[in-house]
């Protein structure tokens, strides 16, 4: 197995952040929940949720679990993506 380059690792991180945000937004809007409502459910502010949904910030596994619980979906639904 070959070692990943720094550029490959950077691209993976960017893709994961972006796709996770897309998944959260898609599920949230399908359930007709506003960013303000979801932010309140996870005891966060809307700006932070906006940054998560747009792949601008990383999010901990604990925060992902909190978001999944608030959206009533398995955490795996938030992190579905392919390379």
Protein backbone atom coordinates (compact mmCIF):
# COMPACT_ATOMS: atom_id res chain seq x y z
CA UNK A 1 0.00 0.00 0.00
CA UNK A 2 1.43 3.38 -0.94
CA UNK A 3 1.68 6.47 1.23
CA UNK A 4 -0.75 9.29 0.54
CA UNK A 5 0.74 12.61 -0.52
CA UNK A 6 0.05 15.81 1.41
CA UNK A 7 -2.09 17.03 -1.48
CA UNK A 8 -4.15 13.84 -1.45
CA UNK A 9 -4.72 14.13 2.30
CA UNK A 10 -5.71 17.80 1.96
CA UNK A 11 -8.17 16.93 -0.82
CA UNK A 12 -9.72 14.12 1.23
CA UNK A 13 -10.19 16.44 4.22
CA UNK A 14 -11.81 19.11 2.04
CA UNK A 15 -14.09 16.57 0.35
CA UNK A 16 -15.15 15.02 3.66
CA UNK A 17 -15.98 18.41 5.20
CA UNK A 18 -17.91 19.48 2.11
CA UNK A 19 -19.89 16.25 1.68
CA UNK A 20 -20.72 15.99 5.37
CA UNK A 21 -22.11 19.52 5.23
CA UNK A 22 -24.12 18.71 2.11
CA UNK A 23 -25.57 15.63 3.82
CA UNK A 24 -26.55 17.59 6.93
CA UNK A 25 -28.20 20.34 4.85
CA UNK A 26 -30.04 17.81 2.64
CA UNK A 27 -31.45 15.93 5.63
CA UNK A 28 -32.30 19.11 7.53
CA UNK A 29 -34.18 20.65 4.60
CA UNK A 30 -35.96 17.37 3.78
CA UNK A 31 -37.28 17.41 7.34
CA UNK A 32 -38.26 21.09 6.94
CA UNK A 33 -36.02 22.20 9.81
CA UNK A 34 -34.41 25.62 9.61
CA UNK A 35 -30.79 26.27 10.50
CA UNK A 36 -32.02 28.27 13.49
CA UNK A 37 -34.15 25.35 14.71
CA UNK A 38 -31.36 22.80 14.30
CA UNK A 39 -28.84 25.13 15.94
CA UNK A 40 -31.16 25.46 18.93
CA UNK A 41 -31.60 21.68 19.13
CA UNK A 42 -27.83 21.15 19.25
CA UNK A 43 -27.23 24.13 21.54
CA UNK A 44 -25.10 25.94 18.99
CA UNK A 45 -25.43 29.12 16.99
CA UNK A 46 -26.70 29.36 13.44
CA UNK A 47 -23.42 30.75 12.10
CA UNK A 48 -21.52 27.67 13.29
CA UNK A 49 -24.12 25.37 11.69
CA UNK A 50 -23.86 27.42 8.48
CA UNK A 51 -20.08 26.87 8.47
CA UNK A 52 -20.53 23.13 9.03
CA UNK A 53 -23.07 22.86 6.21
CA UNK A 54 -20.74 24.72 3.86
CA UNK A 55 -17.66 22.68 4.73
CA UNK A 56 -15.86 25.64 6.26
CA UNK A 57 -15.12 24.06 9.64
CA UNK A 58 -14.34 20.61 10.92
CA UNK A 59 -16.77 18.95 13.24
CA UNK A 60 -16.06 16.48 16.02
CA UNK A 61 -17.57 13.02 16.16
CA UNK A 62 -19.43 14.12 19.30
CA UNK A 63 -20.98 17.08 17.46
CA UNK A 64 -21.88 14.81 14.51
CA UNK A 65 -23.60 12.44 16.94
CA UNK A 66 -25.49 15.38 18.44
CA UNK A 67 -26.60 16.58 15.00
CA UNK A 68 -27.63 13.04 14.00
CA UNK A 69 -29.69 12.68 17.19
CA UNK A 70 -31.34 16.07 16.59
CA UNK A 71 -32.18 15.09 13.01
CA UNK A 72 -33.30 11.60 14.13
CA UNK A 73 -31.00 9.79 11.67
CA UNK A 74 -28.06 7.42 12.12
CA UNK A 75 -24.70 9.20 12.23
CA UNK A 76 -23.71 7.18 9.17
CA UNK A 77 -26.24 9.19 7.12
CA UNK A 78 -24.21 12.34 7.83
CA UNK A 79 -20.90 10.92 6.69
CA UNK A 80 -21.91 9.06 3.52
CA UNK A 81 -19.53 9.80 0.67
CA UNK A 82 -17.27 8.07 -1.80
CA UNK A 83 -13.80 8.83 -3.07
